[in-house]
Amino acid sequence: MLSDEERLQSRAVKEGDYILLYIDNKRRRLVKIRKGAVVNSDKGVVKHDDIIRKNWGESVTLSTGAKAYILKPTFYDLLMNLPKRITQVIYPKDIALMIMLSGIGSGSKVLEGGVGTGFLTAALAYSVGPEGHVYCYEIRKEFVNVAKQNLRLLGLSDRVTIKIGDIRKDVTETELDAAFLDVPDPWNALGSLSKALKPSSPVLIFVPTVNQVIKVVKALEEHRISADVHIYESILREYQPKPEALRPYTLTIGHTGYIIFFRIIKA
């Protein structure tokens, strides 16, 4: 059991911690704390040394007198700010639905085809926990290098194996719990999925166009390895939190892509 002093220390910001410095909804900065460094903003400056040993949720005063709050970053905050992006990524609204539909959790063994920047990869690794694992296939080496770097930044490298290979023909793993595909022609990977997944395992495919959805559905009918097929489009709209003028934000993310869900069955 932690002593009162240890409990207080666990709530205090230390050098090397990431913090979310929140001034307002337009000024949210993910910052890694380093002695002697400063955070600059149009609302003023604050020294990292003035943040160290502050508790999560406390405020700090900027050089202009403006107030900022020291918030503990969620995984969402880290994912949206730390990774380098060299490809289009799947948006969190789609990732969240895909993971919920897949049923994966702590200890799950997951297959991913098409790693790109590693955005979805990181979310999968976070979801399966330290006892699970994500096996990824990506044909482009430059994407693999960036994805591995991003996973290291997020502290998730040990939960992921990325292979330079083709999800359509190079998969060697078996008895996996779910699969996620973000590739241009997922209909050509159905044979690999049938071999790699346990019967009844969910498959989640993300594609940006209706044309691709049609090709996947036709392929599923031809291969006869699927049941419980569903197609989703996730639309998210955020509202500005002003009681006197509650309305949606003018700029919003509308269509991003289509999610195809089905379960693998024996042909």
Protein backbone atom coordinates (compact mmCIF):
# COMPACT_ATOMS: atom_id res chain seq x y z
CA MET A 1 0.00 0.00 0.00
CA LEU A 2 1.30 3.46 -0.93
CA SER A 3 2.07 5.92 1.85
CA ASP A 4 0.45 9.37 1.78
CA GLU A 5 3.74 10.85 0.54
CA GLU A 6 4.08 8.24 -2.24
CA ARG A 7 0.47 8.83 -3.26
CA LEU A 8 1.07 12.56 -3.53
CA GLN A 9 4.26 12.02 -5.53
CA SER A 10 2.41 9.74 -7.97
CA ARG A 11 0.07 12.65 -8.73
CA ALA A 12 2.90 15.13 -9.31
CA VAL A 13 4.40 15.99 -12.71
CA LYS A 14 8.00 14.81 -13.19
CA GLU A 15 10.68 15.58 -15.75
CA GLY A 16 10.11 13.37 -18.79
CA ASP A 17 6.32 13.28 -18.36
CA TYR A 18 4.02 14.31 -21.16
CA ILE A 19 1.42 16.86 -20.11
CA LEU A 20 -1.53 18.40 -21.91
CA LEU A 21 -1.24 22.12 -21.23
CA TYR A 22 -4.79 23.37 -21.64
CA ILE A 23 -5.42 27.09 -22.07
CA ASP A 24 -8.67 26.82 -24.02
CA ASN A 25 -10.18 24.58 -26.71
CA LYS A 26 -8.05 26.24 -29.39
CA ARG A 27 -4.87 26.14 -27.32
CA ARG A 28 -4.12 22.61 -26.16
CA ARG A 29 -0.45 21.67 -26.23
CA LEU A 30 1.06 18.25 -25.66
CA VAL A 31 4.41 18.95 -23.99
CA LYS A 32 7.23 16.72 -22.77
CA ILE A 33 8.56 18.24 -19.57
CA ARG A 34 12.27 19.12 -19.49
CA LYS A 35 14.10 21.17 -16.88
CA GLY A 36 15.09 24.59 -18.22
CA ALA A 37 12.65 24.52 -21.15
CA VAL A 38 9.69 26.81 -21.75
CA VAL A 39 6.30 26.57 -23.44
CA ASN A 40 5.44 29.46 -25.76
CA SER A 41 1.94 30.49 -26.78
CA ASP A 42 0.14 33.59 -27.95
CA LYS A 43 -1.29 33.78 -24.44
CA GLY A 44 2.13 33.89 -22.82
CA VAL A 45 5.05 31.75 -21.68
CA VAL A 46 5.45 29.25 -18.86
CA LYS A 47 8.63 27.56 -17.63
CA HIS A 48 8.72 23.78 -17.41
CA ASP A 49 10.37 24.21 -13.99
CA ASP A 50 7.16 25.89 -12.80
CA ILE A 51 5.17 22.82 -13.88
CA ILE A 52 7.41 20.15 -12.31
CA ARG A 53 5.99 18.91 -9.00
CA LYS A 54 2.60 20.43 -9.74
CA ASN A 55 -0.26 17.96 -9.42
CA TRP A 56 -2.43 16.84 -12.32
CA GLY A 57 -5.40 19.16 -12.71
CA GLU A 58 -3.69 22.14 -11.10
CA SER A 59 -3.36 25.48 -12.85
CA VAL A 60 -0.25 27.43 -13.78
CA THR A 61 -0.03 31.13 -14.60
CA LEU A 62 1.44 32.23 -17.93
CA SER A 63 3.64 35.32 -18.27
CA THR A 64 0.63 37.43 -19.36
CA GLY A 65 -1.37 36.42 -16.31
CA ALA A 66 -3.51 33.98 -18.28
CA LYS A 67 -4.24 30.65 -16.62
CA ALA A 68 -3.52 27.19 -18.03
CA TYR A 69 -4.32 23.76 -16.62
CA ILE A 70 -1.96 20.79 -16.35
CA LEU A 71 -3.91 17.79 -17.61
CA LYS A 72 -2.78 14.18 -17.83
CA PRO A 73 -2.83 13.15 -21.51
CA THR A 74 -5.13 10.34 -22.54
CA PHE A 75 -4.08 7.80 -25.15
CA TYR A 76 -6.16 9.82 -27.62
CA ASP A 77 -4.09 12.94 -26.86
CA LEU A 78 -0.84 11.03 -27.40
CA LEU A 79 -2.05 9.34 -30.58
CA MET A 80 -3.26 12.58 -32.14
CA ASN A 81 -0.05 14.50 -31.38
CA LEU A 82 3.01 12.23 -31.20
CA PRO A 83 3.07 10.05 -34.36
CA LYS A 84 4.62 11.30 -37.56
CA ARG A 85 2.14 11.04 -40.45
CA ILE A 86 3.30 10.24 -43.97
CA THR A 87 0.04 8.64 -45.11
CA GLN A 88 -3.66 9.34 -44.70
CA VAL A 89 -4.76 7.83 -41.37
CA ILE A 90 -8.01 6.26 -40.24
CA TYR A 91 -9.82 8.74 -38.00
CA PRO A 92 -10.43 7.92 -34.32
CA LYS A 93 -14.21 7.86 -34.87
CA ASP A 94 -13.74 4.96 -37.30
CA ILE A 95 -11.02 3.24 -35.27
CA ALA A 96 -13.23 3.27 -32.16
CA LEU A 97 -16.15 1.65 -33.97
CA MET A 98 -13.88 -0.94 -35.61
CA ILE A 99 -12.30 -1.95 -32.31
CA MET A 100 -15.66 -2.15 -30.54
CA LEU A 101 -17.12 -4.31 -33.32
CA SER A 102 -14.08 -6.60 -33.29
CA GLY A 103 -14.48 -7.57 -29.65
CA ILE A 104 -10.72 -7.53 -29.06
CA GLY A 105 -9.31 -6.76 -25.64
CA SER A 106 -6.58 -7.72 -23.25
CA GLY A 107 -4.68 -10.75 -24.54
CA SER A 108 -6.13 -10.77 -28.06
CA LYS A 109 -3.96 -11.79 -31.02
CA VAL A 110 -4.73 -9.57 -34.00
CA LEU A 111 -3.80 -9.43 -37.69
CA GLU A 112 -3.42 -6.13 -39.53
CA GLY A 113 -2.92 -5.59 -43.25
CA GLY A 114 -1.66 -2.21 -44.44
CA VAL A 115 0.21 -0.43 -41.65
CA GLY A 116 0.87 2.97 -43.20
CA THR A 117 1.84 5.43 -40.47
CA GLY A 118 0.87 2.96 -37.74
CA PHE A 119 -2.09 4.95 -36.45
CA LEU A 120 -4.52 2.02 -36.34
CA THR A 121 -1.65 -0.26 -35.32
CA ALA A 122 -1.04 1.79 -32.18
CA ALA A 123 -4.74 1.76 -31.25
CA LEU A 124 -4.85 -2.02 -31.68
CA ALA A 125 -1.69 -2.47 -29.58
CA TYR A 126 -3.17 -0.29 -26.85
CA SER A 127 -6.38 -2.34 -26.91
CA VAL A 128 -4.80 -5.80 -26.67
CA GLY A 129 -2.65 -4.83 -23.68
CA PRO A 130 0.73 -6.26 -22.69
CA GLU A 131 -0.55 -9.84 -22.92
CA GLY A 132 -1.82 -9.49 -26.50
CA HIS A 133 -0.05 -8.98 -29.80
CA VAL A 134 -0.60 -7.37 -33.20
CA TYR A 135 0.90 -9.00 -36.32
CA CYS A 136 1.19 -6.55 -39.20
CA TYR A 137 1.97 -6.80 -42.91
CA GLU A 138 3.08 -3.79 -44.96
CA ILE A 139 4.66 -3.91 -48.43
CA ARG A 140 6.44 -0.54 -48.26
CA LYS A 141 9.61 -0.42 -46.17
CA GLU A 142 9.50 3.36 -45.70
CA PHE A 143 6.07 3.05 -44.07
CA VAL A 144 7.33 0.28 -41.79
CA ASN A 145 10.22 2.43 -40.56
CA VAL A 146 7.92 5.34 -39.69
CA ALA A 147 5.35 3.07 -38.04
CA LYS A 148 8.03 1.48 -35.84
CA GLN A 149 9.28 4.92 -34.82
CA ASN A 150 5.76 6.00 -33.90
CA LEU A 151 5.16 2.86 -31.86
CA ARG A 152 8.38 3.51 -29.93
CA LEU A 153 7.21 7.05 -29.15
CA LEU A 154 3.98 5.64 -27.76
CA GLY A 155 5.71 2.87 -25.80
CA LEU A 156 3.91 0.08 -27.67
CA SER A 157 6.70 -1.54 -29.72
CA ASP A 158 6.81 -4.75 -27.69
CA ARG A 159 3.18 -5.52 -28.52
CA VAL A 160 3.62 -5.36 -32.30
CA THR A 161 5.43 -7.39 -34.97
CA ILE A 162 5.60 -5.64 -38.34
CA LYS A 163 6.68 -7.67 -41.36
CA ILE A 164 7.54 -6.32 -44.79
CA GLY A 165 5.19 -8.51 -46.73
CA ASP A 166 1.89 -8.86 -48.56
CA ILE A 167 -1.25 -9.55 -46.52
CA ARG A 168 -2.64 -11.33 -49.59
CA LYS A 169 -0.05 -14.11 -49.64
CA ASP A 170 2.63 -13.88 -46.93
CA VAL A 171 0.70 -14.41 -43.69
CA THR A 172 2.14 -17.22 -41.55
CA GLU A 173 0.24 -16.73 -38.26
CA THR A 174 -2.77 -18.87 -37.35
CA GLU A 175 -5.44 -19.01 -34.65
CA LEU A 176 -5.77 -15.22 -34.48
CA ASP A 177 -8.76 -13.50 -32.90
CA ALA A 178 -9.53 -10.73 -35.40
CA ALA A 179 -8.23 -9.00 -38.52
CA PHE A 180 -8.14 -5.38 -39.65
CA LEU A 181 -7.46 -4.39 -43.26
CA ASP A 182 -6.67 -0.99 -44.73
CA VAL A 183 -5.45 -1.92 -48.21
CA PRO A 184 -6.66 -0.93 -51.71
CA ASP A 185 -7.88 -4.41 -52.69
CA PRO A 186 -8.99 -6.26 -49.53
CA TRP A 187 -11.03 -8.74 -51.60
CA ASN A 188 -7.75 -10.32 -52.67
CA ALA A 189 -6.79 -11.04 -49.05
CA LEU A 190 -9.79 -13.18 -48.13
CA GLY A 191 -7.86 -16.42 -48.60
CA SER A 192 -5.20 -15.33 -46.12
CA LEU A 193 -7.82 -14.32 -43.58
CA SER A 194 -9.54 -17.68 -43.80
CA LYS A 195 -6.27 -19.45 -42.93
CA ALA A 196 -5.07 -17.04 -40.24
CA LEU A 197 -8.21 -16.57 -38.15
CA LYS A 198 -10.11 -18.81 -35.80
CA PRO A 199 -13.59 -19.70 -37.08
CA SER A 200 -16.14 -17.01 -36.13
CA SER A 201 -13.43 -14.34 -35.77
CA PRO A 202 -14.41 -10.80 -36.82
CA VAL A 203 -12.86 -9.03 -39.79
CA LEU A 204 -12.93 -5.24 -40.13
CA ILE A 205 -12.13 -3.65 -43.49
CA PHE A 206 -11.77 0.08 -44.05
CA VAL A 207 -12.14 1.45 -47.59
CA PRO A 208 -12.75 5.01 -48.83
CA THR A 209 -15.07 4.33 -51.80
CA VAL A 210 -18.36 2.59 -52.55
CA ASN A 211 -16.72 0.86 -55.53
CA GLN A 212 -14.41 -1.01 -53.12
CA VAL A 213 -17.31 -1.93 -50.85
CA ILE A 214 -19.15 -3.52 -53.78
CA LYS A 215 -16.08 -5.56 -54.78
CA VAL A 216 -15.64 -6.83 -51.21
CA VAL A 217 -19.30 -7.85 -50.89
CA LYS A 218 -19.19 -9.66 -54.24
CA ALA A 219 -16.00 -11.49 -53.22
CA LEU A 220 -17.55 -12.54 -49.91
CA GLU A 221 -20.50 -14.07 -51.76
CA GLU A 222 -18.18 -15.92 -54.12
CA HIS A 223 -15.80 -17.27 -51.43
CA ARG A 224 -18.59 -18.26 -49.02
CA ILE A 225 -16.36 -17.80 -45.97
CA SER A 226 -18.37 -15.06 -44.27
CA ALA A 227 -21.44 -14.56 -42.12
CA ASP A 228 -22.98 -11.64 -40.27
CA VAL A 229 -21.94 -9.07 -42.89
CA HIS A 230 -22.51 -5.37 -42.14
CA ILE A 231 -21.46 -2.09 -43.77
CA TYR A 232 -21.12 1.10 -41.74
CA GLU A 233 -20.36 4.77 -42.25
CA SER A 234 -19.50 6.70 -39.10
CA ILE A 235 -20.46 10.39 -38.97
CA LEU A 236 -19.34 12.46 -35.97
CA ARG A 237 -20.41 16.04 -35.24
CA GLU A 238 -19.02 18.09 -32.35
CA TYR A 239 -20.88 20.97 -30.73
CA GLN A 240 -19.30 24.11 -29.29
CA PRO A 241 -19.83 24.14 -25.49
CA LYS A 242 -21.49 27.56 -25.16
CA PRO A 243 -24.82 27.51 -23.28
CA GLU A 244 -25.80 30.88 -24.76
CA ALA A 245 -25.09 29.72 -28.34
CA LEU A 246 -25.10 25.94 -28.48
CA ARG A 247 -24.54 24.84 -32.07
CA PRO A 248 -22.31 22.52 -34.12
CA TYR A 249 -18.84 23.73 -35.00
CA THR A 250 -18.76 25.22 -38.49
CA LEU A 251 -15.97 22.91 -39.60
CA THR A 252 -16.62 19.21 -39.17
CA ILE A 253 -15.30 15.87 -40.41
CA GLY A 254 -17.98 14.25 -42.52
CA HIS A 255 -17.42 11.20 -44.69
CA THR A 256 -14.08 9.47 -44.15
CA GLY A 257 -14.70 5.95 -45.36
CA TYR A 258 -16.70 2.75 -45.07
CA ILE A 259 -16.29 -0.04 -42.54
CA ILE A 260 -17.13 -3.58 -43.62
CA PHE A 261 -17.66 -6.12 -40.86
CA PHE A 262 -18.06 -9.87 -41.16
CA ARG A 263 -17.16 -13.10 -39.41
CA ILE A 264 -15.02 -15.86 -40.84
CA ILE A 265 -16.78 -19.21 -41.20
CA LYS A 266 -15.67 -22.51 -42.70
CA ALA A 267 -16.41 -22.73 -46.42
